[in-house]
Structures are given as C-alpha cells and as structure tokens.
C-alpha atoms as a PDB file:
ATOM      1  CA  MET A   1      11.630  31.050   1.176  1.00  0.00           C
ATOM      2  CA  ASP A   2      12.846  28.424  -1.307  1.00  0.00           C
ATOM      3  CA  ASN A   3      11.746  25.010  -2.577  1.00  0.00           C
ATOM      4  CA  LEU A   4      13.221  23.041   0.310  1.00  0.00           C
ATOM      5  CA  LYS A   5      13.651  25.251   3.357  1.00  0.00           C
ATOM      6  CA  MET A   6      12.293  28.336   5.102  1.00  0.00           C
ATOM      7  CA  SER A   7      14.143  30.876   7.187  1.00  0.00           C
ATOM      8  CA  LYS A   8      13.332  31.073  10.896  1.00  0.00           C
ATOM      9  CA  GLU A   9      11.405  34.293  10.285  1.00  0.00           C
ATOM     10  CA  GLU A  10       9.339  32.735   7.493  1.00  0.00           C
ATOM     11  CA  TRP A  11       8.557  29.668   9.592  1.00  0.00           C
ATOM     12  CA  ASN A  12       7.504  31.847  12.539  1.00  0.00           C
ATOM     13  CA  GLU A  13       5.162  33.774  10.245  1.00  0.00           C
ATOM     14  CA  VAL A  14       3.587  30.560   8.961  1.00  0.00           C
ATOM     15  CA  GLU A  15       3.226  29.179  12.483  1.00  0.00           C
ATOM     16  CA  ASN A  16       1.627  32.399  13.751  1.00  0.00           C
ATOM     17  CA  THR A  17      -0.768  32.455  10.804  1.00  0.00           C
ATOM     18  CA  LEU A  18      -1.839  28.859  11.399  1.00  0.00           C
ATOM     19  CA  PHE A  19      -2.327  29.609  15.096  1.00  0.00           C
ATOM     20  CA  GLU A  20      -4.660  32.485  14.215  1.00  0.00           C
ATOM     21  CA  MET A  21      -6.575  30.245  11.789  1.00  0.00           C
ATOM     22  CA  VAL A  22      -7.365  27.536  14.360  1.00  0.00           C
ATOM     23  CA  PRO A  23     -11.008  28.553  15.049  1.00  0.00           C
ATOM     24  CA  ASP A  24     -11.917  28.750  11.338  1.00  0.00           C
ATOM     25  CA  TYR A  25      -9.391  26.371   9.775  1.00  0.00           C
ATOM     26  CA  ASP A  26     -11.905  23.918   8.289  1.00  0.00           C
ATOM     27  CA  LYS A  27     -14.300  26.647   7.128  1.00  0.00           C
ATOM     28  CA  ILE A  28     -11.526  28.529   5.334  1.00  0.00           C
ATOM     29  CA  ASN A  29     -10.271  25.436   3.508  1.00  0.00           C
ATOM     30  CA  LYS A  30     -13.783  24.429   2.497  1.00  0.00           C
ATOM     31  CA  LYS A  31     -14.629  27.870   1.131  1.00  0.00           C
ATOM     32  CA  ILE A  32     -11.464  28.499  -0.865  1.00  0.00           C
ATOM     33  CA  THR A  33     -11.491  24.996  -2.425  1.00  0.00           C
ATOM     34  CA  PHE A  34     -15.284  24.892  -2.867  1.00  0.00           C
ATOM     35  CA  GLY A  35     -15.320  21.728  -0.771  1.00  0.00           C
ATOM     36  CA  MET A  36     -12.858  19.855  -2.975  1.00  0.00           C
ATOM     37  CA  ASP A  37     -10.362  19.515  -0.109  1.00  0.00           C
ATOM     38  CA  GLU A  38     -12.729  17.000   1.524  1.00  0.00           C
ATOM     39  CA  LYS A  39     -12.745  14.914  -1.649  1.00  0.00           C
ATOM     40  CA  TRP A  40      -8.949  15.016  -1.829  1.00  0.00           C
ATOM     41  CA  ARG A  41      -8.580  13.987   1.797  1.00  0.00           C
ATOM     42  CA  GLY A  42     -11.057  11.165   1.249  1.00  0.00           C
ATOM     43  CA  ALA A  43      -8.968   9.825  -1.634  1.00  0.00           C
ATOM     44  CA  ALA A  44      -5.813   9.989   0.484  1.00  0.00           C
ATOM     45  CA  ALA A  45      -7.498   8.291   3.446  1.00  0.00           C
ATOM     46  CA  LEU A  46      -8.146   5.176   1.351  1.00  0.00           C
ATOM     47  CA  GLU A  47      -4.404   4.492   1.440  1.00  0.00           C
ATOM     48  CA  SER A  48      -4.676   3.807   5.193  1.00  0.00           C
ATOM     49  CA  GLU A  49      -6.937   0.785   4.797  1.00  0.00           C
ATOM     50  CA  GLY A  50      -5.494  -2.268   6.539  1.00  0.00           C
ATOM     51  CA  THR A  51      -2.777  -0.357   8.414  1.00  0.00           C
ATOM     52  CA  CYS A  52      -2.147  -0.590  12.139  1.00  0.00           C
ATOM     53  CA  THR A  53      -0.548   2.743  13.056  1.00  0.00           C
ATOM     54  CA  ALA A  54      -0.695   6.002  11.101  1.00  0.00           C
ATOM     55  CA  LEU A  55       1.181   9.231  11.733  1.00  0.00           C
ATOM     56  CA  GLU A  56      -0.104  12.510  10.383  1.00  0.00           C
ATOM     57  CA  VAL A  57       2.522  15.245  10.269  1.00  0.00           C
ATOM     58  CA  GLY A  58       0.920  18.660  10.588  1.00  0.00           C
ATOM     59  CA  SER A  59      -2.412  17.178  11.608  1.00  0.00           C
ATOM     60  CA  GLY A  60      -4.115  20.490  12.360  1.00  0.00           C
ATOM     61  CA  PRO A  61      -7.638  20.121  13.791  1.00  0.00           C
ATOM     62  CA  GLY A  62      -7.893  16.512  12.608  1.00  0.00           C
ATOM     63  CA  THR A  63      -9.630  17.122   9.288  1.00  0.00           C
ATOM     64  CA  LEU A  64      -7.862  14.155   7.691  1.00  0.00           C
ATOM     65  CA  ALA A  65      -7.196  12.131  10.848  1.00  0.00           C
ATOM     66  CA  VAL A  66     -10.909  11.486  11.417  1.00  0.00           C
ATOM     67  CA  LYS A  67     -11.070   9.809   7.999  1.00  0.00           C
ATOM     68  CA  LEU A  68      -8.120   7.448   8.466  1.00  0.00           C
ATOM     69  CA  MET A  69      -8.897   3.745   8.739  1.00  0.00           C
ATOM     70  CA  SER A  70      -5.782   2.817  10.708  1.00  0.00           C
ATOM     71  CA  GLU A  71      -6.304   1.209  14.109  1.00  0.00           C
ATOM     72  CA  LYS A  72      -4.303   4.006  15.762  1.00  0.00           C
ATOM     73  CA  VAL A  73      -3.631   7.538  14.536  1.00  0.00           C
ATOM     74  CA  ILE A  74      -0.784   9.658  15.919  1.00  0.00           C
ATOM     75  CA  CYS A  75      -1.292  13.378  15.349  1.00  0.00           C
ATOM     76  CA  LEU A  76       1.846  15.538  15.231  1.00  0.00           C
ATOM     77  CA  ASP A  77       1.506  19.315  15.111  1.00  0.00           C
ATOM     78  CA  PRO A  78       3.653  22.198  16.402  1.00  0.00           C
ATOM     79  CA  ILE A  79       0.582  24.140  17.553  1.00  0.00           C
ATOM     80  CA  PRO A  80      -1.069  22.782  20.736  1.00  0.00           C
ATOM     81  CA  GLU A  81      -4.256  24.722  19.977  1.00  0.00           C
ATOM     82  CA  MET A  82      -4.736  22.579  16.856  1.00  0.00           C
ATOM     83  CA  HIS A  83      -4.772  19.501  19.083  1.00  0.00           C
ATOM     84  CA  ALA A  84      -7.283  21.186  21.388  1.00  0.00           C
ATOM     85  CA  ALA A  85      -9.567  21.874  18.423  1.00  0.00           C
ATOM     86  CA  PHE A  86      -9.311  18.233  17.350  1.00  0.00           C
ATOM     87  CA  ARG A  87     -10.039  16.941  20.846  1.00  0.00           C
ATOM     88  CA  GLN A  88     -13.207  19.039  20.837  1.00  0.00           C
ATOM     89  CA  LYS A  89     -14.127  17.578  17.449  1.00  0.00           C
ATOM     90  CA  ILE A  90     -13.653  14.055  18.838  1.00  0.00           C
ATOM     91  CA  LYS A  91     -16.071  14.788  21.683  1.00  0.00           C
ATOM     92  CA  GLU A  92     -18.672  16.466  19.490  1.00  0.00           C
ATOM     93  CA  ASN A  93     -18.673  13.602  16.982  1.00  0.00           C
ATOM     94  CA  PHE A  94     -18.494  10.816  19.596  1.00  0.00           C
ATOM     95  CA  LEU A  95     -15.288   9.414  18.096  1.00  0.00           C
ATOM     96  CA  PRO A  96     -13.220   6.817  19.998  1.00  0.00           C
ATOM     97  CA  GLU A  97     -10.730   8.874  22.012  1.00  0.00           C
ATOM     98  CA  ASP A  98      -8.320   5.970  22.473  1.00  0.00           C
ATOM     99  CA  LYS A  99      -7.762   5.765  18.702  1.00  0.00           C
ATOM    100  CA  PHE A 100      -5.878   9.072  18.661  1.00  0.00           C
ATOM    101  CA  GLU A 101      -2.579  10.102  20.221  1.00  0.00           C
ATOM    102  CA  PHE A 102      -1.340  13.694  20.264  1.00  0.00           C
ATOM    103  CA  LEU A 103       2.261  14.854  19.974  1.00  0.00           C
ATOM    104  CA  THR A 104       3.420  18.462  19.888  1.00  0.00           C
ATOM    105  CA  GLY A 105       6.439  18.941  17.662  1.00  0.00           C
ATOM    106  CA  SER A 106       7.687  19.301  14.102  1.00  0.00           C
ATOM    107  CA  CYS A 107       8.629  16.924  11.312  1.00  0.00           C
ATOM    108  CA  GLU A 108      12.318  17.769  11.656  1.00  0.00           C
ATOM    109  CA  SER A 109      12.433  16.021  15.034  1.00  0.00           C
ATOM    110  CA  ILE A 110       9.642  13.464  15.348  1.00  0.00           C
ATOM    111  CA  PRO A 111       9.361  12.175  18.948  1.00  0.00           C
ATOM    112  CA  LEU A 112       8.888   8.525  17.960  1.00  0.00           C
ATOM    113  CA  PRO A 113      11.197   5.465  17.830  1.00  0.00           C
ATOM    114  CA  ASP A 114      12.658   4.068  14.618  1.00  0.00           C
ATOM    115  CA  ASN A 115      10.459   1.781  12.485  1.00  0.00           C
ATOM    116  CA  TYR A 116       7.340   2.645  14.479  1.00  0.00           C
ATOM    117  CA  VAL A 117       4.468   3.462  12.083  1.00  0.00           C
ATOM    118  CA  ASP A 118       2.954   1.836   9.003  1.00  0.00           C
ATOM    119  CA  ILE A 119       1.958   4.972   7.118  1.00  0.00           C
ATOM    120  CA  VAL A 120       2.761   8.688   7.315  1.00  0.00           C
ATOM    121  CA  TYR A 121       0.542  11.462   5.986  1.00  0.00           C
ATOM    122  CA  CYS A 122       1.474  15.029   5.117  1.00  0.00           C
ATOM    123  CA  ALA A 123      -1.843  16.574   4.051  1.00  0.00           C
ATOM    124  CA  PHE A 124      -1.385  20.210   3.015  1.00  0.00           C
ATOM    125  CA  SER A 125       1.504  20.401   5.472  1.00  0.00           C
ATOM    126  CA  PHE A 126       4.517  19.410   3.353  1.00  0.00           C
ATOM    127  CA  ARG A 127       4.416  22.848   1.755  1.00  0.00           C
ATOM    128  CA  ASP A 128       4.882  24.339   5.229  1.00  0.00           C
ATOM    129  CA  PHE A 129       7.826  22.181   6.369  1.00  0.00           C
ATOM    130  CA  TYR A 130      10.638  24.283   7.800  1.00  0.00           C
ATOM    131  CA  ASP A 131      13.195  21.881   6.268  1.00  0.00           C
ATOM    132  CA  LYS A 132      11.720  19.396   3.782  1.00  0.00           C
ATOM    133  CA  GLU A 133      14.854  17.262   3.363  1.00  0.00           C
ATOM    134  CA  LYS A 134      15.333  16.853   7.110  1.00  0.00           C
ATOM    135  CA  GLY A 135      11.623  16.209   7.576  1.00  0.00           C
ATOM    136  CA  LEU A 136      11.643  13.447   4.963  1.00  0.00           C
ATOM    137  CA  CYS A 137      14.644  11.796   6.622  1.00  0.00           C
ATOM    138  CA  GLU A 138      12.770  11.793   9.940  1.00  0.00           C
ATOM    139  CA  ILE A 139       9.667  10.340   8.295  1.00  0.00           C
ATOM    140  CA  TYR A 140      11.808   7.630   6.708  1.00  0.00           C
ATOM    141  CA  ARG A 141      13.286   6.830  10.120  1.00  0.00           C
ATOM    142  CA  VAL A 142       9.964   6.330  11.921  1.00  0.00           C
ATOM    143  CA  LEU A 143       8.364   4.325   9.104  1.00  0.00           C
ATOM    144  CA  LYS A 144       8.466   0.552   9.209  1.00  0.00           C
ATOM    145  CA  ASN A 145      10.061  -1.304   6.318  1.00  0.00           C
ATOM    146  CA  LYS A 146       7.719  -1.159   3.294  1.00  0.00           C
ATOM    147  CA  GLY A 147       5.691   1.528   5.083  1.00  0.00           C
ATOM    148  CA  LYS A 148       3.961   4.218   3.022  1.00  0.00           C
ATOM    149  CA  LEU A 149       4.413   7.962   2.770  1.00  0.00           C
ATOM    150  CA  ILE A 150       1.477  10.011   1.472  1.00  0.00           C
ATOM    151  CA  ILE A 151       1.937  13.660   0.522  1.00  0.00           C
ATOM    152  CA  LEU A 152      -1.263  15.517  -0.393  1.00  0.00           C
ATOM    153  CA  ASP A 153      -0.995  19.140  -1.470  1.00  0.00           C
ATOM    154  CA  ILE A 154      -1.874  21.792  -4.016  1.00  0.00           C
ATOM    155  CA  ALA A 155      -0.248  20.996  -7.353  1.00  0.00           C
ATOM    156  CA  LYS A 156       1.742  23.021  -9.834  1.00  0.00           C
ATOM    157  CA  PRO A 157       0.416  21.554 -13.101  1.00  0.00           C
ATOM    158  CA  GLY A 158       2.218  23.888 -15.525  1.00  0.00           C
ATOM    159  CA  LYS A 159       3.331  27.495 -15.998  1.00  0.00           C
ATOM    160  CA  ILE A 160       0.012  28.947 -17.153  1.00  0.00           C
ATOM    161  CA  ARG A 161      -2.140  27.093 -14.632  1.00  0.00           C
ATOM    162  CA  ASN A 162       0.423  27.795 -11.884  1.00  0.00           C
ATOM    163  CA  LYS A 163      -0.061  31.526 -12.490  1.00  0.00           C
ATOM    164  CA  LEU A 164      -3.841  31.136 -12.512  1.00  0.00           C
ATOM    165  CA  ILE A 165      -3.816  29.198  -9.232  1.00  0.00           C
ATOM    166  CA  TYR A 166      -1.491  31.749  -7.638  1.00  0.00           C
ATOM    167  CA  PHE A 167      -3.718  34.594  -8.854  1.00  0.00           C
ATOM    168  CA  TYR A 168      -6.765  32.824  -7.427  1.00  0.00           C
ATOM    169  CA  ILE A 169      -5.103  32.273  -4.033  1.00  0.00           C
ATOM    170  CA  LYS A 170      -3.656  35.795  -3.930  1.00  0.00           C
ATOM    171  CA  ARG A 171      -6.597  37.818  -5.265  1.00  0.00           C
ATOM    172  CA  ILE A 172      -9.837  35.797  -5.310  1.00  0.00           C
ATOM    173  CA  ALA A 173      -9.650  33.474  -2.286  1.00  0.00           C
ATOM    174  CA  PRO A 174      -9.332  36.370   0.218  1.00  0.00           C
ATOM    175  CA  LEU A 175     -12.684  37.703  -1.027  1.00  0.00           C
ATOM    176  CA  LEU A 176     -14.335  34.385  -0.141  1.00  0.00           C
ATOM    177  CA  VAL A 177     -13.073  34.508   3.438  1.00  0.00           C
ATOM    178  CA  TRP A 178     -12.982  38.259   3.994  1.00  0.00           C
ATOM    179  CA  LYS A 179     -12.623  38.103   7.773  1.00  0.00           C
ATOM    180  CA  SER A 180      -9.584  35.830   7.364  1.00  0.00           C
ATOM    181  CA  ARG A 181      -8.157  37.472   4.244  1.00  0.00           C
ATOM    182  CA  GLU A 182      -4.825  38.276   5.895  1.00  0.00           C
ATOM    183  CA  HIS A 183      -4.309  34.580   6.627  1.00  0.00           C
ATOM    184  CA  ILE A 184      -4.502  33.703   2.934  1.00  0.00           C
ATOM    185  CA  HIS A 185      -1.376  35.777   2.251  1.00  0.00           C
ATOM    186  CA  TYR A 186       0.846  33.079   3.751  1.00  0.00           C
ATOM    187  CA  LEU A 187      -0.824  30.418   1.589  1.00  0.00           C
ATOM    188  CA  ALA A 188      -0.114  32.413  -1.560  1.00  0.00           C
ATOM    189  CA  GLU A 189       3.540  32.864  -0.645  1.00  0.00           C
ATOM    190  CA  THR A 190       4.126  29.221   0.334  1.00  0.00           C
ATOM    191  CA  TYR A 191       2.457  28.142  -2.923  1.00  0.00           C
ATOM    192  CA  LYS A 192       4.677  30.526  -4.886  1.00  0.00           C
ATOM    193  CA  ALA A 193       7.783  28.949  -3.329  1.00  0.00           C
ATOM    194  CA  PHE A 194       6.447  25.404  -3.745  1.00  0.00           C
ATOM    195  CA  ALA A 195       7.987  23.307  -6.516  1.00  0.00           C
ATOM    196  CA  SER A 196       6.316  20.786  -8.820  1.00  0.00           C
ATOM    197  CA  PRO A 197       5.259  17.301  -7.658  1.00  0.00           C
ATOM    198  CA  ARG A 198       7.955  15.754  -9.864  1.00  0.00           C
ATOM    199  CA  TYR A 199      10.607  17.922  -8.227  1.00  0.00           C
ATOM    200  CA  TYR A 200       9.558  16.656  -4.809  1.00  0.00           C
ATOM    201  CA  ALA A 201       9.366  13.092  -6.095  1.00  0.00           C
ATOM    202  CA  LYS A 202      13.130  13.371  -6.639  1.00  0.00           C
ATOM    203  CA  THR A 203      13.552  14.838  -3.133  1.00  0.00           C
ATOM    204  CA  VAL A 204      11.556  11.924  -1.699  1.00  0.00           C
ATOM    205  CA  GLU A 205      13.692   9.463  -3.667  1.00  0.00           C
ATOM    206  CA  ASP A 206      16.885  11.098  -2.383  1.00  0.00           C
ATOM    207  CA  ALA A 207      15.616  10.504   1.172  1.00  0.00           C
ATOM    208  CA  GLY A 208      15.589   6.759   0.455  1.00  0.00           C
ATOM    209  CA  PHE A 209      12.003   6.125  -0.633  1.00  0.00           C
ATOM    210  CA  LYS A 210      11.061   3.831  -3.525  1.00  0.00           C
ATOM    211  CA  LYS A 211       8.067   2.988  -5.742  1.00  0.00           C
ATOM    212  CA  ILE A 212       7.073   6.638  -6.003  1.00  0.00           C
ATOM    213  CA  VAL A 213       3.765   7.348  -7.723  1.00  0.00           C
ATOM    214  CA  ILE A 214       2.162  10.751  -8.333  1.00  0.00           C
ATOM    215  CA  LYS A 215      -1.610  10.975  -8.748  1.00  0.00           C
ATOM    216  CA  PHE A 216      -3.180  14.236  -9.897  1.00  0.00           C
ATOM    217  CA  LEU A 217      -6.610  15.132  -8.524  1.00  0.00           C
ATOM    218  CA  SER A 218      -9.360  17.390  -9.886  1.00  0.00           C
ATOM    219  CA  PHE A 219      -7.668  18.002 -13.227  1.00  0.00           C
ATOM    220  CA  GLY A 220      -4.322  18.785 -11.661  1.00  0.00           C
ATOM    221  CA  LEU A 221      -5.413  21.209  -8.945  1.00  0.00           C
ATOM    222  CA  ALA A 222      -4.023  18.901  -6.257  1.00  0.00           C
ATOM    223  CA  PHE A 223      -1.697  15.912  -6.181  1.00  0.00           C
ATOM    224  CA  MET A 224      -1.101  12.858  -4.049  1.00  0.00           C
ATOM    225  CA  LEU A 225       2.389  11.386  -3.911  1.00  0.00           C
ATOM    226  CA  VAL A 226       2.655   7.806  -2.644  1.00  0.00           C
ATOM    227  CA  ALA A 227       6.042   6.276  -1.795  1.00  0.00           C
ATOM    228  CA  ARG A 228       7.395   3.218   0.010  1.00  0.00           C
ATOM    229  CA  LYS A 229      10.273   2.801   2.423  1.00  0.00           C
END
C-alpha cells in the first residue's frame, strides 16, 4: 500500500472490512473519534449550501449525505449493503426519498456523464481509494465547470502527532470498540500509508483542480481540502 494506490489484495481487504462494518459503521466512528466526526462532517456539509446536485464518493450508510443541503444527492459506494443501510436510515428518519440516488461502483469509473454535478464529497473515503490519481481524474470529469471538490479525512499534522494518532488508532481505538477491534486494523494501515494534506493538494492540482485550500479541524486531527474545477 502506498500514498496513491493499493494492490488488488489490499483493496479487497479494505472492501471486506467495510462490508463487515456496515451494521455498526456509525457507532464505531462515533466511539473512536469521541463524536468529533459528526462535527467534521457538519463543517464539510456547509460547503454544499446553494448547490443543485452533489455526489458523495464512498457514501457508506449516508452519515454525511443526510447533512448535505444540495437539492439532489447522488451516493456512490462499491458496497450495496451500505446503500441498504442508508435506505433504512431514510425511512426511519422520514427523509425525502426522492432527494437521494444510489449508484454502486467506485471512484475510478464513475457511472455519470461529463460535467454533471456541482460538488463532489470524499468524506473519510479518499484514504481508501484504490487509485487516487485515477479517481481524481474521474471526479474532475463529472464536475461542472467551477464545481467544488471536498476531501474530508484524518490529517497527518506532523511527525510526532502522526505517530501518536497511529498509536491511538492501532492500540487504543480497538479497546473502545472491542467487538469490532479487528476492523480497526485496516484503518490503522490505511492511515499509515496516507500522506499529508499538502501532498494530496499537489495530487489534486495535478488532476487539473485550482483554488485549493486546506482547512485543519480540531487542532489538526482532521482536514478538509476544498478545490475548484
């Protein structure tokens, strides 16, 4: 596993882990971040204000999608069971079903036309892209001119804090979600292979994006990268 691409075996392991996490996905994230992930998603969701169509890549069970203010939200995820969990959430919370559209697939081959959406979100999913460069090119393709890309993920704020965060994910977080402790292993390894926000800002720029801004959240524990096509 490197900064930009996974092997097929690594991607299959990540996909299998996420599949197994479906029933407890939200609970696990809430516990290991002490609820801060909701705050981070809320900050990212503000970027959708005034937009017509949003695409979330790696939408999971809709944890961010329900917060988006776009008129229409397209949810793309390679795991159909994630969509099923989100559909159940829509029913339980009496959300407008016609606001959401579900697509099964990956960021490397987005099943949408060119220049189709106003904003694209990658919330805690960019780290898990099989091929980040190819995924960014696909995102650029489906975005309308001047459309926005939002990447929200765990940050790497510096060598010492990087080691502390990795230690927390590897050793402490599993104790907080004991029944799902094996699932946290993949998170630790993808974080270890993840590069800094500034590194990915250059990758985003190389894909054609402009006006790139990085915002650090919660004293550098997470980051939000905003870019324009």
